[in-house]
């Protein structure tokens, strides 16, 4: 008789979940949650930018534009130190690489993000950027929005597929809220987070994007982050220049990604020496900001200057507060040096303990790269005249496309945030050229390359996505009967009678796997009682065709089963001690179930 007693959850959340199950479908409830995800993401985005603005106004209010400011050598180091203290003593968790952490959560933790991610990145990145850290606020907000979606899903005990969708809603709402660009928010989630687009996922993401955009308009008004006015109509004669510029953007992005990776590896070697990291990174960052104040914070005001200027005097405003002030003839040199050093400033900020993303730096580098390319093109009369401000805009889309491997995001984000729809065709040309160029050298985006190397990246390839989502722990069978090599056949037959599988592992006295007994191959002797004392396990055991490691990715597990055609494969640790075994039948049954669940709209 079944004596299991189901205990009713009488908490407020428990009662609400019971009411929801009775009155709402999961799809209906997801649509409601997507609205709240968009609302909270908009609040987080507004709060972060408001805090950054207040800190920067407080610190730089007395700066004069005509002279250098020695405090640029101090503020960034102080900001990074305060951020590291906050992370080490308050958060007590790693919150860097926001978008990569979202991808990692989707790939390995069933879209479960910790509760502190709903606020910790906002505070940490506000301190870092407000004090001059040369990083972006977008990645922390994407992590925050995704964490809001994840924690709402966990609170109401939703399934893994819905959790992934809510994480996508949070990420798209964050981008839509920051830039007032709902379409860009949608395609960002599809391209970068690689959430599959179905009718079940489209509507919640759109609701989150539109909600975040509308509330951002309420909070900050209708002004765009960037202001842009088209300089002349685009002409078909500029196609060659646009293609060449797209290739140029791809090469800049390759430099950015490779240099960023190298710098991260350098700072990673100092992981256990935080003060050494702070000193090295602080010196690099402060020195660069002192020489090139455009690197202070996100630096998007400098990009706006390039977008709105028409003469060298207008563009020369980016030389303010620097050693280059008053030397407008050195404008191209300054822009080129800033373009070259931005990646080091960004790497030093994150590497020394700061918190921020690479989203805004890619826009910054793209804008400066576009101006640099167009200015040199026009100065040396390489071809037909190309407007500097137009190519500044195109560069933002081109570099972002290559760095994130997201051409649609680059096209629609830049078109939406600037109203530059008249440049839609050249935007497409530049983004496609840039994307094809970077693909030759880097198959993954800057966010996903780390996970791809570890085999933990979910993609739009359904088979690979399912294998990534599958957990070895969920299919490993630890209920096995083991024998030792000295055991006689008679005792082996008794062990076989108690086993529920045809796989009998043979272990030495230390518990290490040395072979196996395949019951199907010893039937000719196992029922002959006269042989029970004449044969031992050592005489009839066979080598295992292969073994599985505890941390083997499921794609490799599948490949090993296919190559060996085995029914069972043992799982061992680093010392070859048996941890359990995996049944081919059970693994494929779970695979089929997950494919069915994954494909259900």
Protein backbone atom coordinates (compact mmCIF):
# COMPACT_ATOMS: atom_id res chain seq x y z
CA UNK A 1 0.00 0.00 0.00
CA UNK A 2 1.33 3.44 -0.98
CA UNK A 3 1.74 5.49 2.19
CA UNK A 4 3.30 8.56 0.50
CA UNK A 5 1.72 11.76 1.80
CA UNK A 6 1.85 14.86 -0.39
CA UNK A 7 2.44 17.94 1.76
CA UNK A 8 0.60 20.99 0.46
CA UNK A 9 2.69 24.16 0.08
CA UNK A 10 0.73 26.76 2.05
CA UNK A 11 3.09 29.66 1.43
CA UNK A 12 1.88 32.63 -0.60
CA UNK A 13 3.96 31.50 -3.58
CA UNK A 14 2.71 27.95 -3.22
CA UNK A 15 -0.93 29.05 -3.15
CA UNK A 16 -0.36 31.28 -6.17
CA UNK A 17 1.28 28.42 -8.12
CA UNK A 18 -1.73 26.22 -7.31
CA UNK A 19 -4.12 28.94 -8.51
CA UNK A 20 -2.02 29.44 -11.66
CA UNK A 21 -2.08 25.73 -12.49
CA UNK A 22 -5.86 25.77 -12.21
CA UNK A 23 -6.57 28.97 -14.18
CA UNK A 24 -3.62 29.69 -16.54
CA UNK A 25 -1.65 27.70 -19.07
CA UNK A 26 2.14 27.86 -19.03
CA UNK A 27 2.05 29.87 -22.27
CA UNK A 28 -0.34 32.46 -20.81
CA UNK A 29 1.68 32.79 -17.63
CA UNK A 30 4.90 33.18 -19.63
CA UNK A 31 3.37 36.12 -21.51
CA UNK A 32 2.49 37.79 -18.22
CA UNK A 33 5.98 37.21 -16.80
CA UNK A 34 7.60 38.59 -19.97
CA UNK A 35 5.87 41.93 -19.30
CA UNK A 36 7.33 42.11 -15.78
CA UNK A 37 10.75 41.03 -17.04
CA UNK A 38 10.68 43.93 -19.52
CA UNK A 39 9.56 46.38 -16.82
CA UNK A 40 12.26 45.38 -14.32
CA UNK A 41 14.96 45.31 -17.02
CA UNK A 42 14.04 48.89 -17.98
CA UNK A 43 14.36 49.98 -14.35
CA UNK A 44 17.76 48.27 -14.07
CA UNK A 45 19.03 49.93 -17.27
CA UNK A 46 17.82 53.37 -16.18
CA UNK A 47 19.28 52.94 -12.68
CA UNK A 48 22.69 51.92 -13.98
CA UNK A 49 23.04 54.82 -16.41
CA UNK A 50 21.71 57.29 -13.83
CA UNK A 51 24.28 56.15 -11.23
CA UNK A 52 27.11 56.28 -13.80
CA UNK A 53 26.12 59.79 -14.84
CA UNK A 54 25.98 61.04 -11.24
CA UNK A 55 29.41 59.60 -10.40
CA UNK A 56 31.02 61.06 -13.54
CA UNK A 57 29.47 64.50 -12.95
CA UNK A 58 30.70 64.48 -9.38
CA UNK A 59 34.26 63.50 -10.31
CA UNK A 60 34.83 65.53 -13.48
CA UNK A 61 32.78 68.66 -12.82
CA UNK A 62 35.79 70.92 -12.27
CA UNK A 63 37.87 69.67 -15.21
CA UNK A 64 38.96 72.25 -17.79
CA UNK A 65 38.91 71.28 -21.46
CA UNK A 66 42.10 73.14 -22.36
CA UNK A 67 44.53 71.35 -20.06
CA UNK A 68 45.42 67.88 -18.91
CA UNK A 69 43.87 66.57 -15.71
CA UNK A 70 46.11 64.62 -13.38
CA UNK A 71 43.14 63.06 -11.58
CA UNK A 72 42.70 60.82 -14.61
CA UNK A 73 45.65 58.91 -13.15
CA UNK A 74 43.79 58.34 -9.89
CA UNK A 75 40.06 57.88 -10.50
CA UNK A 76 40.14 54.64 -12.56
CA UNK A 77 42.34 52.85 -10.01
CA UNK A 78 40.11 53.94 -7.14
CA UNK A 79 37.03 52.74 -9.04
CA UNK A 80 38.50 49.34 -9.80
CA UNK A 81 39.66 48.93 -6.20
CA UNK A 82 36.21 49.79 -4.84
CA UNK A 83 34.62 47.40 -7.34
CA UNK A 84 36.94 44.55 -6.36
CA UNK A 85 36.18 45.15 -2.66
CA UNK A 86 32.45 45.10 -3.39
CA UNK A 87 32.72 41.84 -5.37
CA UNK A 88 35.07 40.16 -2.89
CA UNK A 89 33.29 41.08 0.36
CA UNK A 90 29.65 41.69 -0.62
CA UNK A 91 28.90 39.61 -3.71
CA UNK A 92 31.49 36.87 -3.07
CA UNK A 93 31.03 35.50 -6.58
CA UNK A 94 32.42 36.01 -10.08
CA UNK A 95 30.19 38.43 -12.04
CA UNK A 96 32.50 39.34 -14.92
CA UNK A 97 31.80 38.56 -18.61
CA UNK A 98 28.06 39.12 -18.22
CA UNK A 99 26.86 37.79 -21.59
CA UNK A 100 29.23 34.83 -21.45
CA UNK A 101 27.80 33.97 -18.02
CA UNK A 102 24.29 34.06 -19.47
CA UNK A 103 25.36 31.69 -22.26
CA UNK A 104 27.06 29.45 -19.69
CA UNK A 105 23.93 29.37 -17.53
CA UNK A 106 21.80 28.40 -20.53
CA UNK A 107 24.27 25.73 -21.61
CA UNK A 108 25.14 24.08 -18.28
CA UNK A 109 22.78 25.20 -15.53
CA UNK A 110 19.38 25.03 -17.24
CA UNK A 111 19.17 28.84 -17.32
CA UNK A 112 19.51 29.18 -13.56
CA UNK A 113 21.22 32.41 -12.50
CA UNK A 114 21.83 33.41 -8.90
CA UNK A 115 19.62 35.93 -7.16
CA UNK A 116 22.39 38.46 -6.58
CA UNK A 117 22.84 38.76 -10.36
CA UNK A 118 19.64 40.83 -10.36
CA UNK A 119 21.50 43.73 -8.72
CA UNK A 120 25.21 43.02 -8.18
CA UNK A 121 26.30 43.76 -11.76
CA UNK A 122 24.45 47.08 -11.73
CA UNK A 123 26.33 48.34 -8.67
CA UNK A 124 29.73 46.90 -9.64
CA UNK A 125 29.68 48.20 -13.21
CA UNK A 126 28.33 51.60 -12.10
CA UNK A 127 31.34 52.04 -9.82
CA UNK A 128 33.78 50.82 -12.47
CA UNK A 129 32.44 52.93 -15.35
CA UNK A 130 31.60 55.98 -13.24
CA UNK A 131 35.22 56.20 -12.08
CA UNK A 132 36.49 55.85 -15.64
CA UNK A 133 36.72 52.13 -16.37
CA UNK A 134 36.87 51.78 -20.16
CA UNK A 135 34.12 49.17 -20.51
CA UNK A 136 30.43 49.06 -21.39
CA UNK A 137 27.27 48.91 -19.30
CA UNK A 138 25.35 46.71 -21.72
CA UNK A 139 26.74 43.30 -20.72
CA UNK A 140 26.05 43.87 -16.99
CA UNK A 141 22.49 44.94 -17.83
CA UNK A 142 22.01 41.89 -20.07
CA UNK A 143 23.15 39.71 -17.16
CA UNK A 144 20.81 41.60 -14.83
CA UNK A 145 17.82 41.28 -17.18
CA UNK A 146 18.54 37.60 -17.75
CA UNK A 147 18.86 37.02 -14.01
CA UNK A 148 15.50 38.72 -13.43
CA UNK A 149 13.89 36.35 -15.95
CA UNK A 150 15.68 33.34 -14.48
CA UNK A 151 14.75 34.10 -10.88
CA UNK A 152 11.11 34.76 -11.74
CA UNK A 153 11.08 31.38 -13.47
CA UNK A 154 12.67 29.70 -10.45
CA UNK A 155 10.26 31.44 -8.07
CA UNK A 156 7.25 30.03 -9.90
CA UNK A 157 8.89 26.63 -10.55
CA UNK A 158 8.74 26.72 -14.34
CA UNK A 159 10.31 24.08 -16.59
CA UNK A 160 13.74 24.36 -18.20
CA UNK A 161 12.48 25.37 -21.64
CA UNK A 162 10.39 28.22 -20.22
CA UNK A 163 13.33 29.29 -18.04
CA UNK A 164 15.56 29.60 -21.11
CA UNK A 165 12.85 31.65 -22.81
CA UNK A 166 12.56 34.00 -19.80
CA UNK A 167 16.34 34.44 -19.76
CA UNK A 168 16.11 35.39 -23.44
CA UNK A 169 13.30 37.83 -22.60
CA UNK A 170 15.48 39.48 -19.96
CA UNK A 171 18.45 39.81 -22.30
CA UNK A 172 16.40 41.21 -25.17
CA UNK A 173 14.59 43.60 -22.83
CA UNK A 174 17.94 44.86 -21.54
CA UNK A 175 19.19 45.72 -25.04
CA UNK A 176 15.80 47.16 -26.05
CA UNK A 177 15.67 49.27 -22.89
CA UNK A 178 19.21 50.61 -23.11
CA UNK A 179 18.98 51.67 -26.76
CA UNK A 180 15.20 52.05 -27.20
CA UNK A 181 15.55 49.47 -29.96
CA UNK A 182 12.98 46.63 -29.64
CA UNK A 183 13.85 44.93 -32.94
CA UNK A 184 17.55 44.91 -32.07
CA UNK A 185 16.68 43.39 -28.68
CA UNK A 186 14.79 40.60 -30.39
CA UNK A 187 17.47 39.71 -32.94
CA UNK A 188 20.21 39.99 -30.27
CA UNK A 189 18.58 37.16 -28.34
CA UNK A 190 18.25 35.05 -31.46
CA UNK A 191 21.77 35.64 -32.79
CA UNK A 192 23.91 35.98 -29.66
CA UNK A 193 22.07 33.89 -27.05
CA UNK A 194 20.90 31.54 -29.81
CA UNK A 195 17.38 31.09 -28.43
CA UNK A 196 15.40 29.39 -31.21
CA UNK A 197 12.67 31.48 -32.81
CA UNK A 198 9.28 29.77 -32.71
CA UNK A 199 5.79 31.17 -32.32
CA UNK A 200 6.00 30.15 -28.66
CA UNK A 201 9.15 32.25 -28.11
CA UNK A 202 8.51 35.19 -30.45
CA UNK A 203 5.60 36.77 -28.60
CA UNK A 204 7.13 36.75 -25.06
CA UNK A 205 10.39 38.24 -26.35
CA UNK A 206 8.51 40.93 -28.28
CA UNK A 207 6.41 41.78 -25.21
CA UNK A 208 9.56 42.10 -23.08
CA UNK A 209 11.26 44.29 -25.71
CA UNK A 210 8.31 46.61 -26.26
CA UNK A 211 7.67 46.90 -22.52
CA UNK A 212 11.29 47.79 -21.77
CA UNK A 213 11.37 50.32 -24.62
CA UNK A 214 8.13 52.03 -23.57
CA UNK A 215 9.16 52.36 -19.94
CA UNK A 216 12.58 53.69 -21.00
CA UNK A 217 10.79 56.40 -22.98
CA UNK A 218 8.81 57.22 -19.83
CA UNK A 219 11.96 57.36 -17.68
CA UNK A 220 14.34 59.31 -19.94
CA UNK A 221 12.30 60.82 -22.77
CA UNK A 222 12.44 60.30 -26.51
CA UNK A 223 16.08 61.27 -27.20
CA UNK A 224 18.30 58.55 -28.65
CA UNK A 225 21.63 57.57 -27.13
CA UNK A 226 23.25 58.70 -30.40
CA UNK A 227 22.14 61.58 -32.59
CA UNK A 228 22.75 61.30 -36.32
CA UNK A 229 21.84 63.29 -39.41
CA UNK A 230 22.60 61.78 -42.80
CA UNK A 231 25.37 63.56 -44.68
CA UNK A 232 24.23 63.36 -48.30
CA UNK A 233 22.38 60.55 -50.05
CA UNK A 234 24.08 57.19 -50.38
CA UNK A 235 25.27 56.48 -53.91
CA UNK A 236 25.85 53.20 -55.72
CA UNK A 237 29.38 54.40 -56.56
CA UNK A 238 30.26 53.94 -52.88
CA UNK A 239 29.75 50.15 -52.96
CA UNK A 240 33.51 49.37 -53.43
CA UNK A 241 34.41 51.66 -50.52
CA UNK A 242 31.71 50.03 -48.38
CA UNK A 243 32.97 46.51 -49.15
CA UNK A 244 36.57 47.49 -48.39
CA UNK A 245 35.43 49.15 -45.21
CA UNK A 246 33.55 46.00 -44.17
CA UNK A 247 36.76 44.00 -44.58
CA UNK A 248 38.58 46.68 -42.56
CA UNK A 249 35.95 46.32 -39.79
CA UNK A 250 36.47 42.55 -39.79
CA UNK A 251 40.22 42.95 -39.37
CA UNK A 252 39.77 45.51 -36.57
CA UNK A 253 37.44 43.05 -34.84
CA UNK A 254 39.98 40.25 -35.21
CA UNK A 255 42.60 42.49 -33.60
CA UNK A 256 40.16 43.36 -30.83
CA UNK A 257 39.20 39.73 -30.09
CA UNK A 258 42.70 38.27 -30.29
CA UNK A 259 44.26 41.06 -28.21
CA UNK A 260 41.45 40.85 -25.65
CA UNK A 261 42.00 37.10 -25.29
CA UNK A 262 45.77 37.53 -24.90
CA UNK A 263 45.32 40.21 -22.24
CA UNK A 264 42.76 38.09 -20.37
CA UNK A 265 45.21 35.20 -20.32
CA UNK A 266 47.92 37.51 -18.97
CA UNK A 267 45.70 38.79 -16.16
CA UNK A 268 44.41 35.26 -15.56
CA UNK A 269 47.93 34.19 -14.57
CA UNK A 270 47.74 36.78 -11.78
CA UNK A 271 44.39 35.52 -10.51
CA UNK A 272 45.74 34.61 -7.08
CA UNK A 273 47.56 37.93 -6.74
CA UNK A 274 44.75 40.51 -6.76
CA UNK A 275 46.91 43.47 -5.74
CA UNK A 276 49.41 42.73 -8.49
CA UNK A 277 46.52 42.65 -10.97
CA UNK A 278 45.22 45.93 -9.60
CA UNK A 279 48.62 47.63 -9.88
CA UNK A 280 49.40 46.36 -13.39
CA UNK A 281 45.91 46.96 -14.76
CA UNK A 282 45.54 50.27 -12.94
CA UNK A 283 48.79 51.65 -14.33
CA UNK A 284 47.87 50.63 -17.88
CA UNK A 285 44.33 52.02 -17.67
CA UNK A 286 45.17 55.28 -15.90
CA UNK A 287 48.07 56.03 -18.23
CA UNK A 288 45.94 55.47 -21.33
CA UNK A 289 43.05 57.60 -20.02
CA UNK A 290 45.49 60.36 -19.04
CA UNK A 291 46.90 60.41 -22.59
CA UNK A 292 43.56 59.83 -24.35
CA UNK A 293 40.60 61.06 -22.24
CA UNK A 294 38.17 59.68 -24.85
CA UNK A 295 38.85 56.29 -23.23
CA UNK A 296 37.28 57.47 -19.95
CA UNK A 297 34.15 55.43 -19.19
CA UNK A 298 32.06 54.18 -22.08
CA UNK A 299 33.34 57.01 -24.30
CA UNK A 300 30.13 57.23 -26.29
CA UNK A 301 30.07 61.03 -26.05
CA UNK A 302 33.21 61.05 -28.24
CA UNK A 303 31.43 58.83 -30.76
CA UNK A 304 28.52 61.31 -30.75
CA UNK A 305 31.02 64.10 -31.49
CA UNK A 306 32.24 62.24 -34.56
CA UNK A 307 28.67 61.49 -35.65
CA UNK A 308 27.56 65.11 -35.47
CA UNK A 309 30.65 67.00 -36.61
CA UNK A 310 31.17 68.48 -40.06
CA UNK A 311 34.58 70.17 -39.79
CA UNK A 312 37.90 69.52 -38.09
CA UNK A 313 36.93 72.13 -35.48
CA UNK A 314 33.80 70.13 -34.63
CA UNK A 315 35.60 66.80 -34.50
CA UNK A 316 38.48 68.37 -32.60
CA UNK A 317 36.32 68.45 -29.46
CA UNK A 318 37.40 64.88 -28.75
CA UNK A 319 40.90 66.32 -28.13
CA UNK A 320 39.62 68.21 -25.07
CA UNK A 321 41.37 67.53 -21.74
CA UNK A 322 44.30 65.89 -23.54
CA UNK A 323 47.85 66.72 -24.53
CA UNK A 324 46.50 67.04 -28.09
CA UNK A 325 44.19 69.97 -27.25
CA UNK A 326 44.47 72.75 -29.81
CA UNK A 327 46.30 70.55 -32.33
CA UNK A 328 43.45 69.78 -34.74
CA UNK A 329 46.02 68.84 -37.36
CA UNK A 330 46.79 65.76 -35.24
CA UNK A 331 43.15 64.63 -35.16
CA UNK A 332 43.72 61.54 -37.34
CA UNK A 333 46.78 60.56 -35.29
CA UNK A 334 44.75 60.87 -32.07
CA UNK A 335 41.85 58.84 -33.47
CA UNK A 336 44.23 56.13 -34.70
CA UNK A 337 45.96 55.89 -31.32
CA UNK A 338 42.64 55.70 -29.48
CA UNK A 339 41.50 53.02 -31.91
CA UNK A 340 44.68 51.04 -31.21
CA UNK A 341 44.68 51.41 -27.40
CA UNK A 342 40.96 50.97 -26.58
CA UNK A 343 41.30 47.19 -26.39
CA UNK A 344 44.13 47.49 -23.84
CA UNK A 345 42.08 49.92 -21.74
CA UNK A 346 39.09 47.56 -21.78
CA UNK A 347 41.21 44.50 -20.97
CA UNK A 348 43.00 46.32 -18.16
CA UNK A 349 39.69 47.40 -16.64
CA UNK A 350 38.23 43.91 -16.46
CA UNK A 351 41.54 42.16 -15.87
CA UNK A 352 42.44 44.24 -12.83
CA UNK A 353 39.13 43.65 -11.05
CA UNK A 354 36.60 45.97 -12.71
CA UNK A 355 33.19 44.97 -14.01
CA UNK A 356 31.90 45.77 -17.49
CA UNK A 357 31.29 44.42 -20.95
CA UNK A 358 32.69 44.59 -24.46
CA UNK A 359 29.45 45.64 -26.15
CA UNK A 360 30.02 49.40 -25.87
CA UNK A 361 33.78 49.10 -26.60
CA UNK A 362 32.92 47.40 -29.89
CA UNK A 363 30.63 50.32 -30.79
CA UNK A 364 33.35 52.76 -29.73
CA UNK A 365 36.05 51.04 -31.79
CA UNK A 366 33.70 50.77 -34.75
CA UNK A 367 32.84 54.48 -34.63
CA UNK A 368 36.47 55.56 -34.34
CA UNK A 369 37.47 53.01 -36.99
CA UNK A 370 34.85 54.32 -39.39
CA UNK A 371 35.97 57.91 -38.95
CA UNK A 372 39.64 56.91 -39.29
CA UNK A 373 39.00 54.99 -42.53
CA UNK A 374 36.87 57.73 -44.12
CA UNK A 375 39.19 60.57 -43.07
CA UNK A 376 42.26 58.88 -44.56
CA UNK A 377 40.27 57.95 -47.68
CA UNK A 378 39.29 61.57 -48.24
CA UNK A 379 42.65 63.09 -47.25
CA UNK A 380 44.50 61.01 -49.83
CA UNK A 381 41.70 61.07 -52.45
CA UNK A 382 41.68 57.29 -52.75
CA UNK A 383 38.31 57.30 -54.49
CA UNK A 384 34.95 59.01 -54.53
CA UNK A 385 34.29 61.18 -51.46
CA UNK A 386 32.77 59.30 -48.50
CA UNK A 387 31.18 61.24 -45.59
CA UNK A 388 33.06 60.74 -42.32
CA UNK A 389 29.95 60.82 -40.15
CA UNK A 390 28.18 58.20 -42.29
CA UNK A 391 31.13 55.85 -42.08
CA UNK A 392 31.39 56.43 -38.33
CA UNK A 393 27.88 55.03 -38.13
CA UNK A 394 28.63 52.17 -40.51
CA UNK A 395 31.75 51.29 -38.50
CA UNK A 396 29.74 50.91 -35.31
CA UNK A 397 27.56 48.31 -37.03
CA UNK A 398 30.45 46.59 -38.81
CA UNK A 399 32.68 46.01 -35.79
CA UNK A 400 29.80 45.02 -33.52
CA UNK A 401 28.64 42.52 -36.15
CA UNK A 402 32.06 40.88 -36.33
CA UNK A 403 32.79 40.86 -32.60
CA UNK A 404 29.39 39.39 -31.72
CA UNK A 405 28.91 37.37 -34.94
CA UNK A 406 25.51 39.04 -35.19
CA UNK A 407 24.93 40.87 -38.50
CA UNK A 408 21.20 41.42 -37.95
CA UNK A 409 21.83 42.89 -34.50
CA UNK A 410 24.43 45.25 -35.93
CA UNK A 411 22.16 46.37 -38.77
CA UNK A 412 18.98 46.92 -36.77
CA UNK A 413 20.59 48.30 -33.63
CA UNK A 414 22.44 51.06 -35.46
CA UNK A 415 19.46 51.79 -37.71
CA UNK A 416 17.12 52.04 -34.70
CA UNK A 417 19.26 54.04 -32.29
CA UNK A 418 20.21 56.66 -34.86
CA UNK A 419 17.24 56.69 -37.19
CA UNK A 420 19.73 55.96 -39.96
CA UNK A 421 17.36 53.85 -42.05
CA UNK A 422 18.46 55.73 -45.18
CA UNK A 423 21.75 53.87 -44.80
CA UNK A 424 20.12 50.45 -44.53
CA UNK A 425 21.68 49.14 -47.77
CA UNK A 426 25.27 50.22 -46.95
CA UNK A 427 24.73 48.92 -43.40
CA UNK A 428 23.97 45.53 -44.91
CA UNK A 429 26.98 45.66 -47.23
CA UNK A 430 29.40 46.60 -44.43
CA UNK A 431 27.98 44.10 -41.93
CA UNK A 432 28.01 41.21 -44.40
CA UNK A 433 31.57 41.99 -45.51
CA UNK A 434 32.71 42.31 -41.92
CA UNK A 435 30.99 39.08 -40.86
CA UNK A 436 32.42 37.07 -43.75
CA UNK A 437 35.90 38.42 -42.97
CA UNK A 438 35.88 37.54 -39.26
CA UNK A 439 34.42 34.10 -40.00
CA UNK A 440 37.60 33.16 -41.81
CA UNK A 441 39.57 33.54 -38.58
CA UNK A 442 37.09 33.16 -35.70
CA UNK A 443 34.07 30.81 -35.95
CA UNK A 444 32.54 32.04 -32.69
CA UNK A 445 31.70 35.40 -31.12
CA UNK A 446 33.74 36.97 -28.36
CA UNK A 447 31.07 35.83 -25.91
CA UNK A 448 30.77 32.21 -26.99
CA UNK A 449 34.37 31.36 -27.92
CA UNK A 450 35.26 30.30 -24.35
CA UNK A 451 32.26 27.97 -24.05
CA UNK A 452 32.77 26.60 -27.55
CA UNK A 453 36.30 25.53 -26.65
CA UNK A 454 34.88 23.60 -23.66
CA UNK A 455 32.05 22.03 -25.68
CA UNK A 456 29.41 23.79 -23.56
CA UNK A 457 27.80 26.03 -26.15
CA UNK A 458 24.17 25.68 -27.16
CA UNK A 459 23.61 26.43 -30.84
CA UNK A 460 20.73 26.49 -33.30
CA UNK A 461 21.83 22.96 -34.30
CA UNK A 462 19.14 20.97 -32.45
CA UNK A 463 21.22 17.80 -32.13
CA UNK A 464 24.18 19.63 -30.59
CA UNK A 465 21.90 21.68 -28.37
CA UNK A 466 20.23 18.57 -26.95
CA UNK A 467 23.59 16.89 -26.31
CA UNK A 468 24.78 20.03 -24.54
CA UNK A 469 21.68 20.13 -22.37
CA UNK A 470 21.90 16.45 -21.47
CA UNK A 471 23.62 15.72 -18.18
CA UNK A 472 25.72 12.64 -17.59
CA UNK A 473 24.60 12.65 -13.95
CA UNK A 474 21.00 12.16 -15.05
CA UNK A 475 21.71 8.93 -16.95
CA UNK A 476 24.61 7.35 -15.05
CA UNK A 477 23.61 4.15 -13.22
CA UNK A 478 25.46 3.70 -9.94
CA UNK A 479 23.57 0.55 -8.98
CA UNK A 480 25.90 -2.18 -10.19
CA UNK A 481 27.32 -5.52 -9.05
CA UNK A 482 31.13 -5.68 -9.29
CA UNK A 483 33.39 -8.74 -9.11
CA UNK A 484 37.13 -9.28 -8.57
CA UNK A 485 39.45 -11.21 -10.91
CA UNK A 486 40.05 -14.10 -8.41
CA UNK A 487 36.35 -14.94 -8.08
CA UNK A 488 35.46 -18.44 -9.37
CA UNK A 489 32.81 -18.97 -12.05
CA UNK A 490 30.30 -20.30 -9.52
CA UNK A 491 30.27 -17.11 -7.49
CA UNK A 492 30.22 -15.07 -10.71
CA UNK A 493 27.00 -16.85 -11.78
CA UNK A 494 25.46 -15.93 -8.40
CA UNK A 495 26.53 -12.28 -8.92
CA UNK A 496 24.99 -12.33 -12.40
CA UNK A 497 21.69 -13.56 -10.96
CA UNK A 498 21.54 -10.48 -8.70
CA UNK A 499 22.51 -8.01 -11.43
CA UNK A 500 19.90 -6.17 -13.51
CA UNK A 501 22.26 -5.73 -16.48
CA UNK A 502 24.45 -7.84 -18.71
CA UNK A 503 27.42 -5.62 -17.77
CA UNK A 504 29.50 -6.90 -14.83
CA UNK A 505 32.56 -4.73 -14.08
CA UNK A 506 35.75 -6.35 -12.83
CA UNK A 507 37.59 -4.29 -10.21
CA UNK A 508 40.90 -4.78 -8.44
CA UNK A 509 41.20 -4.42 -4.67
CA UNK A 510 41.62 -0.62 -4.99
CA UNK A 511 38.32 -0.29 -6.88
CA UNK A 512 39.99 0.39 -10.22
CA UNK A 513 38.38 -0.96 -13.38
CA UNK A 514 40.44 -3.67 -15.08
CA UNK A 515 37.89 -5.33 -17.35
CA UNK A 516 34.31 -6.50 -17.72
CA UNK A 517 32.17 -9.59 -18.03
CA UNK A 518 29.73 -9.63 -20.92
CA UNK A 519 27.02 -12.08 -19.85
CA UNK A 520 25.92 -12.68 -23.44
CA UNK A 521 29.35 -14.07 -24.29
CA UNK A 522 29.73 -16.66 -21.48
CA UNK A 523 26.39 -18.45 -21.78
CA UNK A 524 28.13 -21.53 -23.15
CA UNK A 525 29.87 -22.12 -19.80
CA UNK A 526 27.79 -20.33 -17.16
CA UNK A 527 25.20 -23.14 -16.90
CA UNK A 528 27.77 -25.96 -16.70
CA UNK A 529 28.14 -26.55 -12.98
CA UNK A 530 31.13 -28.85 -13.42
CA UNK A 531 33.14 -25.82 -14.59
CA UNK A 532 32.27 -23.56 -11.66
CA UNK A 533 35.56 -24.21 -9.86
CA UNK A 534 37.74 -24.57 -12.94
CA UNK A 535 37.33 -21.05 -14.29
CA UNK A 536 37.93 -17.72 -12.62
CA UNK A 537 36.81 -14.23 -13.60
CA UNK A 538 40.33 -13.35 -14.74
CA UNK A 539 40.17 -16.11 -17.37
CA UNK A 540 36.88 -15.05 -18.95
CA UNK A 541 36.82 -11.26 -18.52
CA UNK A 542 37.41 -9.03 -21.54
CA UNK A 543 38.87 -5.52 -21.82
CA UNK A 544 36.36 -2.70 -21.82
CA UNK A 545 36.04 -1.28 -25.36
CA UNK A 546 36.48 2.23 -23.96
CA UNK A 547 35.73 4.21 -20.83
CA UNK A 548 33.90 7.46 -20.17
CA UNK A 549 35.19 10.29 -17.99
CA UNK A 550 32.96 12.08 -15.49
CA UNK A 551 33.35 15.35 -17.39
CA UNK A 552 33.10 14.03 -20.94
CA UNK A 553 30.67 16.10 -23.06
CA UNK A 554 27.63 14.13 -24.19
CA UNK A 555 28.58 14.52 -27.84
CA UNK A 556 31.78 12.58 -27.09
CA UNK A 557 29.79 9.96 -25.14
CA UNK A 558 27.52 9.46 -28.16
CA UNK A 559 30.54 9.13 -30.44
CA UNK A 560 32.11 6.47 -28.19
CA UNK A 561 28.93 4.41 -28.22
CA UNK A 562 28.74 4.68 -32.01
CA UNK A 563 32.37 3.67 -32.49
CA UNK A 564 32.30 0.68 -30.09
CA UNK A 565 28.69 -0.41 -30.66
CA UNK A 566 28.67 -1.19 -26.93
CA UNK A 567 25.49 -1.71 -24.91
CA UNK A 568 27.06 -0.40 -21.70
CA UNK A 569 30.09 1.77 -21.06
CA UNK A 570 31.74 2.34 -17.68
CA UNK A 571 32.29 5.81 -16.20
CA UNK A 572 35.57 6.29 -14.32
CA UNK A 573 37.31 9.11 -12.50
CA UNK A 574 40.87 10.35 -12.97
CA UNK A 575 42.24 7.36 -10.98
CA UNK A 576 40.30 4.85 -13.11
CA UNK A 577 37.99 4.08 -10.19
CA UNK A 578 34.53 3.02 -11.33
CA UNK A 579 31.78 5.60 -10.75
CA UNK A 580 28.95 3.78 -12.53
CA UNK A 581 27.95 2.94 -16.08
CA UNK A 582 25.77 4.31 -18.85
CA UNK A 583 23.25 2.25 -20.78
CA UNK A 584 22.99 2.95 -24.49
CA UNK A 585 19.23 2.27 -24.36
CA UNK A 586 18.65 4.67 -21.47
CA UNK A 587 20.77 7.40 -23.06
CA UNK A 588 18.92 7.27 -26.39
CA UNK A 589 15.55 7.19 -24.61
CA UNK A 590 16.40 10.41 -22.79
CA UNK A 591 17.76 11.93 -26.00
CA UNK A 592 14.49 11.21 -27.83
CA UNK A 593 12.45 12.66 -24.97
CA UNK A 594 14.52 15.86 -24.88
CA UNK A 595 14.25 16.27 -28.66
CA UNK A 596 10.48 15.99 -28.34
CA UNK A 597 10.39 18.51 -25.48
CA UNK A 598 12.80 20.84 -27.26
CA UNK A 599 10.72 20.84 -30.43
CA UNK A 600 7.36 21.41 -28.73
CA UNK A 601 6.06 24.92 -29.22
